């Protein structure tokens, strides 16, 4: 199960920048200010822009995305790599394209 990891001031707020962390995102989708299901729709429309095995980052601030995005990944057989709450209350979701 993907882990939920709060970001502390010692950790960089950009996913994939710390040693041993996930790979950097090949694509970042800015869904800030959008209510669910819009972040999911944006991800579904754009995930094919990256190669299989690459990471897509979705930035969202709607609390519903915390459960909706991982559920979409399970439904669509994509890998939910990590959910990270950023210091300003936003969320960063990392999704690996599996097919």
C-alpha atoms as a PDB file:
ATOM      1  CA  UNK A   1       0.000   0.000   0.000  1.00  0.00           C
ATOM      2  CA  UNK A   2       1.401   3.447  -0.856  1.00  0.00           C
ATOM      3  CA  UNK A   3       2.656   5.402   2.067  1.00  0.00           C
ATOM      4  CA  UNK A   4       1.461   8.822   3.169  1.00  0.00           C
ATOM      5  CA  UNK A   5       4.438  10.955   4.038  1.00  0.00           C
ATOM      6  CA  UNK A   6       4.180  14.483   5.450  1.00  0.00           C
ATOM      7  CA  UNK A   7       6.906  16.817   4.304  1.00  0.00           C
ATOM      8  CA  UNK A   8       8.985  18.347   7.060  1.00  0.00           C
ATOM      9  CA  UNK A   9      11.226  21.393   6.581  1.00  0.00           C
ATOM     10  CA  UNK A  10      14.262  19.095   6.302  1.00  0.00           C
ATOM     11  CA  UNK A  11      12.776  17.299   3.274  1.00  0.00           C
ATOM     12  CA  UNK A  12      12.656  18.921  -0.151  1.00  0.00           C
ATOM     13  CA  UNK A  13       9.072  19.599  -1.292  1.00  0.00           C
ATOM     14  CA  UNK A  14       9.739  18.304  -4.818  1.00  0.00           C
ATOM     15  CA  UNK A  15       9.175  14.545  -5.233  1.00  0.00           C
ATOM     16  CA  UNK A  16      12.139  12.521  -6.426  1.00  0.00           C
ATOM     17  CA  UNK A  17      14.825  14.951  -5.259  1.00  0.00           C
ATOM     18  CA  UNK A  18      16.026  13.169  -2.137  1.00  0.00           C
ATOM     19  CA  UNK A  19      18.332  10.151  -2.270  1.00  0.00           C
ATOM     20  CA  UNK A  20      16.428   6.871  -2.354  1.00  0.00           C
ATOM     21  CA  UNK A  21      13.147   8.600  -3.199  1.00  0.00           C
ATOM     22  CA  UNK A  22      10.926   7.951  -6.196  1.00  0.00           C
ATOM     23  CA  UNK A  23      12.135   8.813  -9.668  1.00  0.00           C
ATOM     24  CA  UNK A  24      11.487  12.375 -10.820  1.00  0.00           C
ATOM     25  CA  UNK A  25       8.177  12.906 -12.580  1.00  0.00           C
ATOM     26  CA  UNK A  26       8.240  12.851 -16.372  1.00  0.00           C
ATOM     27  CA  UNK A  27       5.054  14.949 -16.341  1.00  0.00           C
ATOM     28  CA  UNK A  28       3.452  17.201 -13.726  1.00  0.00           C
ATOM     29  CA  UNK A  29      -0.273  17.893 -13.882  1.00  0.00           C
ATOM     30  CA  UNK A  30      -1.377  21.020 -12.039  1.00  0.00           C
ATOM     31  CA  UNK A  31      -4.905  20.353 -10.786  1.00  0.00           C
ATOM     32  CA  UNK A  32      -4.747  22.973  -8.030  1.00  0.00           C
ATOM     33  CA  UNK A  33      -8.077  24.683  -7.488  1.00  0.00           C
ATOM     34  CA  UNK A  34      -9.955  21.885  -9.282  1.00  0.00           C
ATOM     35  CA  UNK A  35     -12.546  19.796  -7.453  1.00  0.00           C
ATOM     36  CA  UNK A  36     -12.756  16.035  -7.902  1.00  0.00           C
ATOM     37  CA  UNK A  37     -13.240  14.351 -10.267  1.00  0.00           C
ATOM     38  CA  UNK A  38     -11.405  16.940 -12.416  1.00  0.00           C
ATOM     39  CA  UNK A  39      -7.887  15.951 -11.204  1.00  0.00           C
ATOM     40  CA  UNK A  40      -8.672  12.311 -12.085  1.00  0.00           C
ATOM     41  CA  UNK A  41     -10.003  13.308 -15.504  1.00  0.00           C
ATOM     42  CA  UNK A  42      -6.871  15.375 -16.135  1.00  0.00           C
ATOM     43  CA  UNK A  43      -4.678  12.403 -15.206  1.00  0.00           C
ATOM     44  CA  UNK A  44      -6.701   9.988 -17.359  1.00  0.00           C
ATOM     45  CA  UNK A  45      -6.416  12.309 -20.369  1.00  0.00           C
ATOM     46  CA  UNK A  46      -2.671  12.880 -20.036  1.00  0.00           C
ATOM     47  CA  UNK A  47      -1.115   9.685 -18.628  1.00  0.00           C
ATOM     48  CA  UNK A  48      -0.503   8.381 -22.164  1.00  0.00           C
ATOM     49  CA  UNK A  49       1.899  11.303 -22.747  1.00  0.00           C
ATOM     50  CA  UNK A  50       4.586   9.486 -20.735  1.00  0.00           C
ATOM     51  CA  UNK A  51       6.264   6.172 -21.504  1.00  0.00           C
ATOM     52  CA  UNK A  52       5.268   3.000 -19.684  1.00  0.00           C
ATOM     53  CA  UNK A  53       7.167   2.882 -16.397  1.00  0.00           C
ATOM     54  CA  UNK A  54       7.507   6.659 -16.077  1.00  0.00           C
ATOM     55  CA  UNK A  55       6.035   8.759 -13.278  1.00  0.00           C
ATOM     56  CA  UNK A  56       3.273  11.356 -13.492  1.00  0.00           C
ATOM     57  CA  UNK A  57       2.907  13.832 -10.638  1.00  0.00           C
ATOM     58  CA  UNK A  58      -0.527  15.287  -9.921  1.00  0.00           C
ATOM     59  CA  UNK A  59      -0.724  18.397  -7.739  1.00  0.00           C
ATOM     60  CA  UNK A  60      -4.125  18.842  -6.098  1.00  0.00           C
ATOM     61  CA  UNK A  61      -5.638  20.664  -3.162  1.00  0.00           C
ATOM     62  CA  UNK A  62      -9.097  19.059  -3.028  1.00  0.00           C
ATOM     63  CA  UNK A  63      -9.139  16.715   0.015  1.00  0.00           C
ATOM     64  CA  UNK A  64     -11.256  14.211  -1.967  1.00  0.00           C
ATOM     65  CA  UNK A  65      -8.255  13.575  -4.233  1.00  0.00           C
ATOM     66  CA  UNK A  66      -6.493  11.854  -1.318  1.00  0.00           C
ATOM     67  CA  UNK A  67      -8.822   8.863  -1.655  1.00  0.00           C
ATOM     68  CA  UNK A  68     -10.068   9.292  -5.234  1.00  0.00           C
ATOM     69  CA  UNK A  69      -6.711   9.267  -6.991  1.00  0.00           C
ATOM     70  CA  UNK A  70      -5.401   6.025  -5.397  1.00  0.00           C
ATOM     71  CA  UNK A  71      -8.806   4.413  -6.075  1.00  0.00           C
ATOM     72  CA  UNK A  72      -8.559   5.407  -9.761  1.00  0.00           C
ATOM     73  CA  UNK A  73      -5.075   3.847  -9.908  1.00  0.00           C
ATOM     74  CA  UNK A  74      -6.408   0.545  -8.543  1.00  0.00           C
ATOM     75  CA  UNK A  75      -9.364   0.629 -10.927  1.00  0.00           C
ATOM     76  CA  UNK A  76      -7.176   1.362 -13.962  1.00  0.00           C
ATOM     77  CA  UNK A  77      -4.220  -0.882 -12.981  1.00  0.00           C
ATOM     78  CA  UNK A  78      -1.780   2.011 -12.688  1.00  0.00           C
ATOM     79  CA  UNK A  79       0.676   2.148  -9.777  1.00  0.00           C
ATOM     80  CA  UNK A  80       0.033   4.714  -7.048  1.00  0.00           C
ATOM     81  CA  UNK A  81       3.639   5.269  -5.940  1.00  0.00           C
ATOM     82  CA  UNK A  82       3.336   7.931  -3.260  1.00  0.00           C
ATOM     83  CA  UNK A  83       1.030  10.533  -1.761  1.00  0.00           C
ATOM     84  CA  UNK A  84       2.796  13.426  -0.122  1.00  0.00           C
ATOM     85  CA  UNK A  85       1.207  16.331   1.740  1.00  0.00           C
ATOM     86  CA  UNK A  86       3.194  19.466   1.009  1.00  0.00           C
ATOM     87  CA  UNK A  87       3.773  22.179   3.656  1.00  0.00           C
ATOM     88  CA  UNK A  88       1.209  24.546   2.142  1.00  0.00           C
ATOM     89  CA  UNK A  89      -1.621  21.996   2.388  1.00  0.00           C
ATOM     90  CA  UNK A  90      -1.438  20.833  -1.214  1.00  0.00           C
ATOM     91  CA  UNK A  91      -1.010  17.188  -2.172  1.00  0.00           C
ATOM     92  CA  UNK A  92       1.490  15.612  -4.542  1.00  0.00           C
ATOM     93  CA  UNK A  93       0.471  12.246  -5.988  1.00  0.00           C
ATOM     94  CA  UNK A  94       2.958  10.120  -7.909  1.00  0.00           C
ATOM     95  CA  UNK A  95       1.558   7.610 -10.380  1.00  0.00           C
ATOM     96  CA  UNK A  96       3.606   5.165 -12.461  1.00  0.00           C
ATOM     97  CA  UNK A  97       2.160   4.328 -15.872  1.00  0.00           C
ATOM     98  CA  UNK A  98       1.910   0.539 -16.067  1.00  0.00           C
ATOM     99  CA  UNK A  99       0.498   0.019 -19.581  1.00  0.00           C
END
